[in-house]
C-alpha cells in the first residue's frame, strides 16, 4: 500500500469521498488521488517524496508559481499584524483602487472569498437591478456551485456522468428552472432565448474563454453578439472571468473583444493563492448592494488582510514584469509539439490551447467549440494519458474537461521535460 493509499483511506473516514473538492478524487481518471506536501516554482512535492512538474497551478491561481518569495514575504508580514479583523483595512481599499484603475469600465469593487461567492452575488445583483428572475447561461460553463447555476455546469457535472442536467441533489426544480441554458458559441441560440422570454431575463452569464468543458475559446464576435442581444432585451451581460481575469493579460480578457460587461467576476490570479475573489461594475450598478442598496451580501472574511497582501504583491509584479508573452510561447510550443507527435503516432489526442491555458482532448477532431463537441473526447484514452504522464513526473488536470495552466515559473527545461514525457506516453499508447 502506497503513502497515498494510506492517506486516502484515512481521509475517506473523516471527509466525504476523502476530498474537499470533488475533482481531487480522481473519479474521472481512476486510481488513488495524490497528496501534496509542498511546492516551489513550477514543481510540487508529493507525500511519498516524488516531485512533479505542476500543470494545474491550483487551477490557474499560481501564475507566479508556488511559494514565490515576494508573495510569501508579503503574506508573512501581513500575518504578523493580524490574520482577520472583521473590520475594514487600508489594504482592501488599495486593492479596490488598483483593480478599478486597471479595468476601465469598473468603478467599484466588492471583495469576496471565492469565485462562487462572486458569481452568486453578481446574479443576485443583476436580478435586483433589473427586477427580473431568469438567468441565461451556456451549457458546459461552470459558474460556481450556487444552486441556480448547477445546470449543465461543466466538468463536475460531466464527471458525475449520470445524464442529469442538474448536477446536484438538493436543488428544487423550480429554482433550477430559473436558469435557461444555450450552447456556447451559438449567437443565434441566445437571440432565440431572449425572444422566447421577453422582459423576463435579468442577465446572460458567460465565461469569455470557457474552462470547464476543457479549454474552449469563443468564436470571433461571439461575446459582442451576446452583449448586443442582452442589451436589446433590457438584460445585463455578466462576464465570469474568475479564470480569465489577469490570466491572459493585465486586465480582463473580454476587453480584447472590445466589450464592456455590465458586471464582471474575478478570482484565481487576483487572489494570489488565497481565498479571494471580486465582482465589479459601474457605480450605478454596484451601489444597489448593501449597505447602499437593497441587494444583500456580506462576509466575515471578505477583504481578508493576508489574502489582500498576497493579491497586491502578485498584481504589482504582473504589472512590473508581465509574464504573459513568455508563458503563451511555452504553451504554444508544448501544444504544437504534442499535437505533431500524436498525429505522427496515430494517437487521437490533441491539445487545444488559448494563450496561457491548454487542454489535452482525447480526440483528433479540433477545434472544439462547445460542450457537445467536447463530449466526443474519449475519457478512457484520456485517463491512460493522464496516468502515464503522472508516472513520468507530469501532473495534468485529472479530468479531460478541465484546463491546464503554465506559470511564470515554468521554464524551457520544464517544457522539454513535458514534451519528452509526452513522447514516451504517446509511443506507449500507440501500441495499445
Protein backbone atom coordinates (compact mmCIF):
# COMPACT_ATOMS: atom_id res chain seq x y z
CA UNK A 1 0.00 0.00 0.00
CA UNK A 2 1.41 3.38 -1.02
CA UNK A 3 1.65 6.53 1.06
CA UNK A 4 -1.23 7.98 -0.96
CA UNK A 5 -3.36 4.88 -0.40
CA UNK A 6 -2.87 5.22 3.36
CA UNK A 7 -3.69 8.93 3.34
CA UNK A 8 -6.74 8.45 1.14
CA UNK A 9 -8.05 5.66 3.38
CA UNK A 10 -7.69 7.99 6.40
CA UNK A 11 -9.31 10.85 4.50
CA UNK A 12 -12.35 8.81 3.49
CA UNK A 13 -13.11 8.07 7.14
CA UNK A 14 -13.44 11.73 8.05
CA UNK A 15 -14.02 13.64 4.77
CA UNK A 16 -16.84 12.80 2.31
CA UNK A 17 -15.20 10.92 -0.55
CA UNK A 18 -11.85 11.69 1.03
CA UNK A 19 -11.63 15.11 -0.63
CA UNK A 20 -12.75 18.68 -0.05
CA UNK A 21 -13.38 19.33 -3.74
CA UNK A 22 -14.71 16.54 -6.00
CA UNK A 23 -12.20 16.71 -8.88
CA UNK A 24 -9.40 15.83 -6.43
CA UNK A 25 -10.89 12.34 -6.03
CA UNK A 26 -9.68 11.26 -9.49
CA UNK A 27 -13.13 9.89 -10.33
CA UNK A 28 -12.73 10.95 -13.95
CA UNK A 29 -9.39 9.16 -14.41
CA UNK A 30 -9.47 6.43 -11.77
CA UNK A 31 -6.79 5.46 -9.31
CA UNK A 32 -5.76 6.83 -5.93
CA UNK A 33 -5.57 10.62 -5.70
CA UNK A 34 -2.28 12.26 -4.82
CA UNK A 35 -1.43 14.27 -1.71
CA UNK A 36 0.91 17.27 -1.91
CA UNK A 37 3.20 18.36 0.90
CA UNK A 38 4.93 21.36 -0.69
CA UNK A 39 5.54 23.30 -3.88
CA UNK A 40 8.25 25.56 -5.25
CA UNK A 41 8.15 27.36 -8.56
CA UNK A 42 6.78 25.01 -11.23
CA UNK A 43 7.13 21.87 -9.11
CA UNK A 44 5.16 20.16 -6.37
CA UNK A 45 6.41 17.53 -3.93
CA UNK A 46 4.13 14.65 -3.01
CA UNK A 47 3.65 12.92 0.32
CA UNK A 48 5.72 9.98 -0.96
CA UNK A 49 8.64 12.27 -1.82
CA UNK A 50 8.13 12.33 -5.61
CA UNK A 51 8.48 15.64 -7.40
CA UNK A 52 6.19 16.60 -10.29
CA UNK A 53 6.02 19.41 -12.81
CA UNK A 54 2.70 21.02 -11.94
CA UNK A 55 0.46 21.92 -14.89
CA UNK A 56 -2.51 22.66 -12.67
CA UNK A 57 -1.10 25.56 -10.63
CA UNK A 58 -4.06 25.48 -8.23
CA UNK A 59 -6.38 25.77 -11.23
CA UNK A 60 -4.54 28.79 -12.58
CA UNK A 61 -4.26 30.81 -9.39
CA UNK A 62 -0.47 30.39 -9.04
CA UNK A 63 0.57 32.47 -12.01
CA UNK A 64 3.94 33.30 -10.38
CA UNK A 65 4.48 29.69 -9.31
CA UNK A 66 4.45 28.07 -5.88
CA UNK A 67 5.97 29.67 -2.78
CA UNK A 68 7.11 32.78 -4.61
CA UNK A 69 9.50 34.62 -2.28
CA UNK A 70 7.86 38.01 -2.76
CA UNK A 71 4.38 36.66 -2.10
CA UNK A 72 5.41 34.63 0.95
CA UNK A 73 7.19 37.66 2.40
CA UNK A 74 4.13 39.86 1.91
CA UNK A 75 1.91 37.22 3.48
CA UNK A 76 4.21 36.75 6.47
CA UNK A 77 4.35 40.49 7.08
CA UNK A 78 0.57 40.77 6.93
CA UNK A 79 0.00 37.75 9.18
CA UNK A 80 2.32 39.19 11.82
CA UNK A 81 -0.02 42.16 12.10
CA UNK A 82 -3.19 40.06 12.36
CA UNK A 83 -4.95 37.50 10.19
CA UNK A 84 -8.53 38.76 10.34
CA UNK A 85 -10.46 41.55 11.99
CA UNK A 86 -13.94 41.60 10.54
CA UNK A 87 -13.24 45.32 10.20
CA UNK A 88 -12.15 47.26 7.12
CA UNK A 89 -8.41 47.62 6.48
CA UNK A 90 -6.40 50.03 4.29
CA UNK A 91 -5.22 47.11 2.14
CA UNK A 92 -8.66 46.29 0.80
CA UNK A 93 -9.09 49.93 -0.22
CA UNK A 94 -5.74 49.80 -2.01
CA UNK A 95 -6.70 46.60 -3.83
CA UNK A 96 -10.04 48.00 -4.97
CA UNK A 97 -8.29 51.18 -6.15
CA UNK A 98 -5.75 49.14 -8.10
CA UNK A 99 -8.39 47.00 -9.78
CA UNK A 100 -10.60 49.94 -10.75
CA UNK A 101 -7.55 51.74 -12.15
CA UNK A 102 -6.70 48.77 -14.37
CA UNK A 103 -10.19 47.90 -15.61
CA UNK A 104 -11.54 50.97 -17.44
CA UNK A 105 -15.28 50.36 -17.05
CA UNK A 106 -15.20 49.09 -13.45
CA UNK A 107 -15.82 51.92 -10.99
CA UNK A 108 -16.45 49.94 -7.81
CA UNK A 109 -15.36 46.57 -6.44
CA UNK A 110 -16.81 44.23 -3.82
CA UNK A 111 -14.30 41.73 -2.42
CA UNK A 112 -15.49 38.23 -1.50
CA UNK A 113 -13.87 34.90 -0.65
CA UNK A 114 -14.41 32.69 -3.69
CA UNK A 115 -15.45 32.65 -7.32
CA UNK A 116 -18.72 31.02 -6.29
CA UNK A 117 -19.45 33.93 -3.95
CA UNK A 118 -18.57 36.46 -6.63
CA UNK A 119 -20.89 34.90 -9.20
CA UNK A 120 -23.69 34.30 -6.71
CA UNK A 121 -23.56 37.98 -5.76
CA UNK A 122 -23.38 39.10 -9.41
CA UNK A 123 -26.51 37.09 -10.21
CA UNK A 124 -28.40 38.50 -7.23
CA UNK A 125 -27.24 41.98 -8.16
CA UNK A 126 -28.40 41.59 -11.77
CA UNK A 127 -31.80 40.40 -10.59
CA UNK A 128 -32.07 43.23 -8.11
CA UNK A 129 -31.13 45.89 -10.64
CA UNK A 130 -33.39 44.62 -13.44
CA UNK A 131 -36.31 43.34 -11.39
CA UNK A 132 -36.24 40.12 -13.45
CA UNK A 133 -35.79 36.50 -12.40
CA UNK A 134 -34.38 34.41 -15.26
CA UNK A 135 -30.67 33.86 -15.94
CA UNK A 136 -29.27 32.69 -19.27
CA UNK A 137 -26.08 30.61 -19.25
CA UNK A 138 -24.12 28.38 -21.64
CA UNK A 139 -24.03 24.61 -21.23
CA UNK A 140 -20.65 23.38 -20.08
CA UNK A 141 -19.75 26.64 -18.37
CA UNK A 142 -19.20 26.38 -14.62
CA UNK A 143 -20.01 29.42 -12.54
CA UNK A 144 -19.51 28.05 -9.05
CA UNK A 145 -21.68 25.72 -7.01
CA UNK A 146 -24.55 28.05 -6.12
CA UNK A 147 -27.92 26.35 -6.52
CA UNK A 148 -29.31 28.13 -9.51
CA UNK A 149 -26.24 27.69 -11.70
CA UNK A 150 -25.55 23.97 -11.24
CA UNK A 151 -27.35 23.30 -14.51
CA UNK A 152 -25.29 21.80 -17.34
CA UNK A 153 -22.36 23.05 -15.32
CA UNK A 154 -19.25 21.65 -16.93
CA UNK A 155 -16.53 19.43 -15.51
CA UNK A 156 -18.10 18.27 -12.24
CA UNK A 157 -21.41 17.63 -13.94
CA UNK A 158 -19.70 15.77 -16.78
CA UNK A 159 -17.65 13.64 -14.42
CA UNK A 160 -20.77 12.60 -12.50
CA UNK A 161 -21.92 11.01 -15.74
CA UNK A 162 -25.50 10.32 -14.69
CA UNK A 163 -27.02 12.33 -17.53
CA UNK A 164 -28.88 14.70 -15.25
CA UNK A 165 -28.98 18.31 -16.31
CA UNK A 166 -28.93 19.46 -12.70
CA UNK A 167 -25.61 18.31 -11.28
CA UNK A 168 -26.69 18.08 -7.66
CA UNK A 169 -29.45 16.75 -5.48
CA UNK A 170 -30.97 19.29 -3.13
CA UNK A 171 -31.78 21.86 -5.81
CA UNK A 172 -35.53 22.39 -6.19
CA UNK A 173 -36.71 22.04 -9.82
CA UNK A 174 -38.38 25.44 -9.56
CA UNK A 175 -35.06 27.04 -8.69
CA UNK A 176 -33.19 25.24 -11.45
CA UNK A 177 -35.94 26.33 -13.82
CA UNK A 178 -34.90 29.96 -13.30
CA UNK A 179 -31.75 29.20 -15.32
CA UNK A 180 -32.03 28.87 -19.10
CA UNK A 181 -29.30 27.04 -20.98
CA UNK A 182 -27.98 27.57 -24.51
CA UNK A 183 -24.96 26.13 -26.37
CA UNK A 184 -21.70 28.04 -26.04
CA UNK A 185 -20.53 29.82 -29.19
CA UNK A 186 -24.07 29.88 -30.62
CA UNK A 187 -25.12 33.51 -31.04
CA UNK A 188 -28.44 32.64 -32.66
CA UNK A 189 -29.44 30.46 -29.71
CA UNK A 190 -29.02 33.47 -27.42
CA UNK A 191 -31.24 35.60 -29.64
CA UNK A 192 -33.91 32.88 -29.66
CA UNK A 193 -33.81 32.61 -25.86
CA UNK A 194 -34.32 36.34 -25.39
CA UNK A 195 -37.15 36.32 -27.92
CA UNK A 196 -38.84 33.38 -26.19
CA UNK A 197 -38.79 35.08 -22.76
CA UNK A 198 -39.44 38.78 -23.40
CA UNK A 199 -38.87 41.01 -20.39
CA UNK A 200 -38.00 38.09 -18.09
CA UNK A 201 -34.23 37.52 -18.42
CA UNK A 202 -32.14 39.52 -15.96
CA UNK A 203 -28.72 38.63 -17.38
CA UNK A 204 -26.71 36.32 -19.56
CA UNK A 205 -23.57 34.99 -17.87
CA UNK A 206 -20.64 33.60 -19.82
CA UNK A 207 -17.02 32.56 -19.42
CA UNK A 208 -15.27 34.59 -22.15
CA UNK A 209 -12.84 31.69 -22.63
CA UNK A 210 -14.60 28.59 -21.34
CA UNK A 211 -12.59 26.45 -18.95
CA UNK A 212 -14.87 23.74 -17.61
CA UNK A 213 -15.55 21.75 -20.73
CA UNK A 214 -11.85 21.96 -21.40
CA UNK A 215 -10.24 24.99 -22.99
CA UNK A 216 -12.81 26.34 -25.46
CA UNK A 217 -12.21 29.88 -26.81
CA UNK A 218 -15.06 31.98 -28.18
CA UNK A 219 -15.62 32.41 -31.89
CA UNK A 220 -14.70 35.89 -33.15
CA UNK A 221 -17.56 38.26 -32.40
CA UNK A 222 -19.43 35.81 -30.16
CA UNK A 223 -19.14 37.82 -26.97
CA UNK A 224 -20.12 41.02 -28.76
CA UNK A 225 -23.23 39.29 -30.11
CA UNK A 226 -24.19 38.18 -26.58
CA UNK A 227 -23.80 41.72 -25.32
CA UNK A 228 -25.91 43.13 -28.17
CA UNK A 229 -28.66 40.53 -27.68
CA UNK A 230 -28.73 41.15 -23.92
CA UNK A 231 -28.90 44.92 -24.16
CA UNK A 232 -31.55 44.85 -26.86
CA UNK A 233 -33.64 42.76 -24.47
CA UNK A 234 -33.00 45.04 -21.49
CA UNK A 235 -30.79 42.45 -19.80
CA UNK A 236 -27.25 42.65 -18.44
CA UNK A 237 -24.11 40.86 -19.60
CA UNK A 238 -22.09 39.20 -16.82
CA UNK A 239 -18.61 38.04 -17.80
CA UNK A 240 -17.36 35.38 -15.41
CA UNK A 241 -13.62 35.98 -15.53
CA UNK A 242 -12.78 34.06 -12.39
CA UNK A 243 -10.30 32.07 -14.50
CA UNK A 244 -9.71 34.62 -17.28
CA UNK A 245 -9.00 37.90 -15.44
CA UNK A 246 -5.26 38.68 -15.32
CA UNK A 247 -4.51 35.18 -16.62
CA UNK A 248 -4.02 36.25 -20.28
CA UNK A 249 -3.22 39.94 -19.89
CA UNK A 250 -3.07 42.71 -17.31
CA UNK A 251 -6.82 43.12 -17.16
CA UNK A 252 -9.91 41.35 -18.43
CA UNK A 253 -9.93 39.08 -21.43
CA UNK A 254 -13.30 40.47 -22.53
CA UNK A 255 -11.60 43.81 -23.23
CA UNK A 256 -9.71 42.16 -26.09
CA UNK A 257 -13.09 41.54 -27.74
CA UNK A 258 -13.99 45.19 -27.45
CA UNK A 259 -16.78 44.68 -24.95
CA UNK A 260 -17.51 46.07 -21.52
CA UNK A 261 -19.61 43.63 -19.48
CA UNK A 262 -22.16 45.16 -17.15
CA UNK A 263 -20.80 43.06 -14.28
CA UNK A 264 -17.54 41.11 -14.12
CA UNK A 265 -16.39 38.48 -11.64
CA UNK A 266 -12.72 37.79 -10.91
CA UNK A 267 -10.80 35.24 -8.83
CA UNK A 268 -7.89 32.78 -9.07
CA UNK A 269 -4.99 35.04 -10.16
CA UNK A 270 -6.17 38.10 -8.23
CA UNK A 271 -6.23 36.07 -5.01
CA UNK A 272 -2.51 35.46 -5.09
CA UNK A 273 -3.03 31.87 -3.93
CA UNK A 274 -5.53 32.77 -1.20
CA UNK A 275 -9.35 32.63 -0.96
CA UNK A 276 -10.14 35.97 -2.55
CA UNK A 277 -12.39 36.98 -5.42
CA UNK A 278 -14.28 40.06 -6.52
CA UNK A 279 -17.10 41.45 -8.59
CA UNK A 280 -17.10 44.85 -10.20
CA UNK A 281 -19.23 47.16 -12.31
CA UNK A 282 -20.10 50.80 -12.75
CA UNK A 283 -21.09 52.59 -9.56
CA UNK A 284 -24.71 52.90 -10.73
CA UNK A 285 -24.98 49.10 -10.55
CA UNK A 286 -22.70 48.38 -7.58
CA UNK A 287 -24.49 50.83 -5.33
CA UNK A 288 -27.52 48.55 -5.37
CA UNK A 289 -25.50 46.37 -2.96
CA UNK A 290 -25.94 46.76 0.79
CA UNK A 291 -25.35 49.00 2.65
CA UNK A 292 -26.15 51.46 -0.16
CA UNK A 293 -28.95 49.45 -1.72
CA UNK A 294 -31.29 46.56 -1.06
CA UNK A 295 -29.30 43.70 -2.62
CA UNK A 296 -27.76 42.00 0.40
CA UNK A 297 -24.29 40.46 0.55
CA UNK A 298 -21.90 40.04 3.45
CA UNK A 299 -18.83 38.09 4.57
CA UNK A 300 -16.86 37.92 7.81
CA UNK A 301 -13.61 37.19 5.98
CA UNK A 302 -14.22 39.35 2.89
CA UNK A 303 -11.21 41.55 2.22
CA UNK A 304 -9.07 39.38 4.49
CA UNK A 305 -5.81 41.29 5.12
CA UNK A 306 -3.50 38.31 4.46
CA UNK A 307 -5.24 37.48 1.17
CA UNK A 308 -5.23 41.15 0.17
CA UNK A 309 -1.47 41.39 0.83
CA UNK A 310 -0.87 38.39 -1.44
CA UNK A 311 -3.15 39.83 -4.11
CA UNK A 312 -1.40 43.20 -4.16
CA UNK A 313 2.04 41.59 -4.39
CA UNK A 314 1.00 39.39 -7.32
CA UNK A 315 -0.75 42.17 -9.22
CA UNK A 316 2.09 44.65 -8.76
CA UNK A 317 4.53 42.02 -10.01
CA UNK A 318 2.39 41.26 -13.06
CA UNK A 319 2.31 44.96 -13.85
CA UNK A 320 6.05 45.48 -13.34
CA UNK A 321 7.12 42.47 -15.38
CA UNK A 322 4.26 40.97 -17.42
CA UNK A 323 4.91 37.24 -17.99
CA UNK A 324 2.08 36.65 -20.44
CA UNK A 325 4.00 36.51 -23.71
CA UNK A 326 6.62 34.12 -22.34
CA UNK A 327 4.01 31.79 -20.84
CA UNK A 328 1.94 31.83 -24.05
CA UNK A 329 5.00 30.99 -26.13
CA UNK A 330 5.74 27.97 -23.94
CA UNK A 331 2.13 26.78 -24.13
CA UNK A 332 2.21 27.20 -27.91
CA UNK A 333 5.45 25.19 -28.17
CA UNK A 334 4.12 22.47 -25.86
CA UNK A 335 0.81 22.22 -27.73
CA UNK A 336 2.39 22.17 -31.19
CA UNK A 337 4.93 19.54 -30.13
CA UNK A 338 2.41 17.15 -28.58
CA UNK A 339 -0.03 17.55 -31.47
CA UNK A 340 2.67 16.79 -34.02
CA UNK A 341 3.81 13.68 -32.15
CA UNK A 342 0.26 12.42 -31.60
CA UNK A 343 -0.56 12.82 -35.29
CA UNK A 344 2.61 11.05 -36.37
CA UNK A 345 1.96 8.14 -34.00
CA UNK A 346 -1.72 7.85 -34.88
CA UNK A 347 -2.97 8.60 -31.36
CA UNK A 348 -6.30 10.50 -31.33
CA UNK A 349 -5.24 13.09 -28.76
CA UNK A 350 -4.79 16.78 -29.43
CA UNK A 351 -4.04 19.88 -27.37
CA UNK A 352 -6.46 22.78 -27.69
CA UNK A 353 -4.94 25.88 -26.18
CA UNK A 354 -5.51 29.58 -25.76
CA UNK A 355 -2.52 31.71 -24.81
CA UNK A 356 -1.54 30.52 -21.30
CA UNK A 357 -4.01 27.63 -20.86
CA UNK A 358 -4.49 24.29 -22.61
CA UNK A 359 -6.44 21.03 -22.55
CA UNK A 360 -5.42 17.63 -23.92
CA UNK A 361 -8.58 16.32 -25.56
CA UNK A 362 -8.64 12.62 -26.38
CA UNK A 363 -9.78 13.26 -29.95
CA UNK A 364 -8.19 14.29 -33.23
CA UNK A 365 -11.16 16.47 -34.16
CA UNK A 366 -10.26 20.08 -33.46
CA UNK A 367 -11.38 22.77 -32.97
CA UNK A 368 -13.82 22.07 -30.16
CA UNK A 369 -16.33 24.89 -29.91
CA UNK A 370 -18.98 23.71 -27.44
CA UNK A 371 -19.96 21.07 -24.92
CA UNK A 372 -21.38 18.63 -27.47
CA UNK A 373 -18.06 18.57 -29.33
CA UNK A 374 -16.07 18.30 -26.09
CA UNK A 375 -18.06 15.22 -25.11
CA UNK A 376 -16.84 13.39 -28.21
CA UNK A 377 -13.47 13.13 -26.49
CA UNK A 378 -12.60 9.61 -25.25
CA UNK A 379 -12.47 9.53 -21.41
CA UNK A 380 -10.75 6.14 -21.25
CA UNK A 381 -7.93 7.27 -23.53
CA UNK A 382 -7.53 10.49 -21.58
CA UNK A 383 -7.32 8.52 -18.31
CA UNK A 384 -4.50 6.39 -19.74
CA UNK A 385 -2.70 9.52 -20.97
CA UNK A 386 -3.09 11.20 -17.58
CA UNK A 387 -1.69 8.30 -15.56
CA UNK A 388 1.17 7.66 -17.98
CA UNK A 389 2.18 11.32 -17.75
CA UNK A 390 1.83 11.24 -13.97
CA UNK A 391 4.13 8.23 -13.80
CA UNK A 392 6.69 10.27 -15.76
CA UNK A 393 6.55 13.22 -13.39
CA UNK A 394 3.95 15.47 -15.04
CA UNK A 395 0.75 16.50 -13.26
CA UNK A 396 -2.07 17.36 -15.67
CA UNK A 397 -5.68 18.09 -14.84
CA UNK A 398 -7.42 14.91 -13.52
CA UNK A 399 -10.34 15.36 -15.92
CA UNK A 400 -10.31 15.99 -19.64
CA UNK A 401 -12.98 18.63 -19.12
CA UNK A 402 -10.71 20.86 -17.07
CA UNK A 403 -7.89 23.18 -18.10
CA UNK A 404 -4.11 23.02 -17.61
CA UNK A 405 -2.03 26.10 -16.82
CA UNK A 406 1.58 27.13 -17.01
CA UNK A 407 3.04 29.83 -14.81
CA UNK A 408 5.83 32.38 -14.96
CA UNK A 409 7.93 29.85 -13.04
CA UNK A 410 7.75 27.21 -15.79
CA UNK A 411 10.99 27.16 -17.75
CA UNK A 412 12.08 25.95 -21.16
CA UNK A 413 13.54 22.94 -19.37
CA UNK A 414 10.08 22.20 -17.95
CA UNK A 415 8.56 22.34 -21.42
CA UNK A 416 11.26 19.98 -22.70
CA UNK A 417 10.52 17.58 -19.84
CA UNK A 418 6.79 17.66 -20.58
CA UNK A 419 7.41 17.03 -24.28
CA UNK A 420 9.78 14.16 -23.51
CA UNK A 421 7.23 12.56 -21.18
CA UNK A 422 4.51 13.07 -23.79
CA UNK A 423 6.61 11.40 -26.48
CA UNK A 424 7.14 8.30 -24.34
CA UNK A 425 3.48 8.27 -23.33
CA UNK A 426 2.18 8.61 -26.89
CA UNK A 427 4.52 5.83 -28.02
CA UNK A 428 3.11 3.64 -25.27
CA UNK A 429 -0.49 4.49 -26.25
CA UNK A 430 0.16 3.92 -29.94
CA UNK A 431 0.97 0.25 -29.28
CA UNK A 432 -2.25 -0.49 -27.42
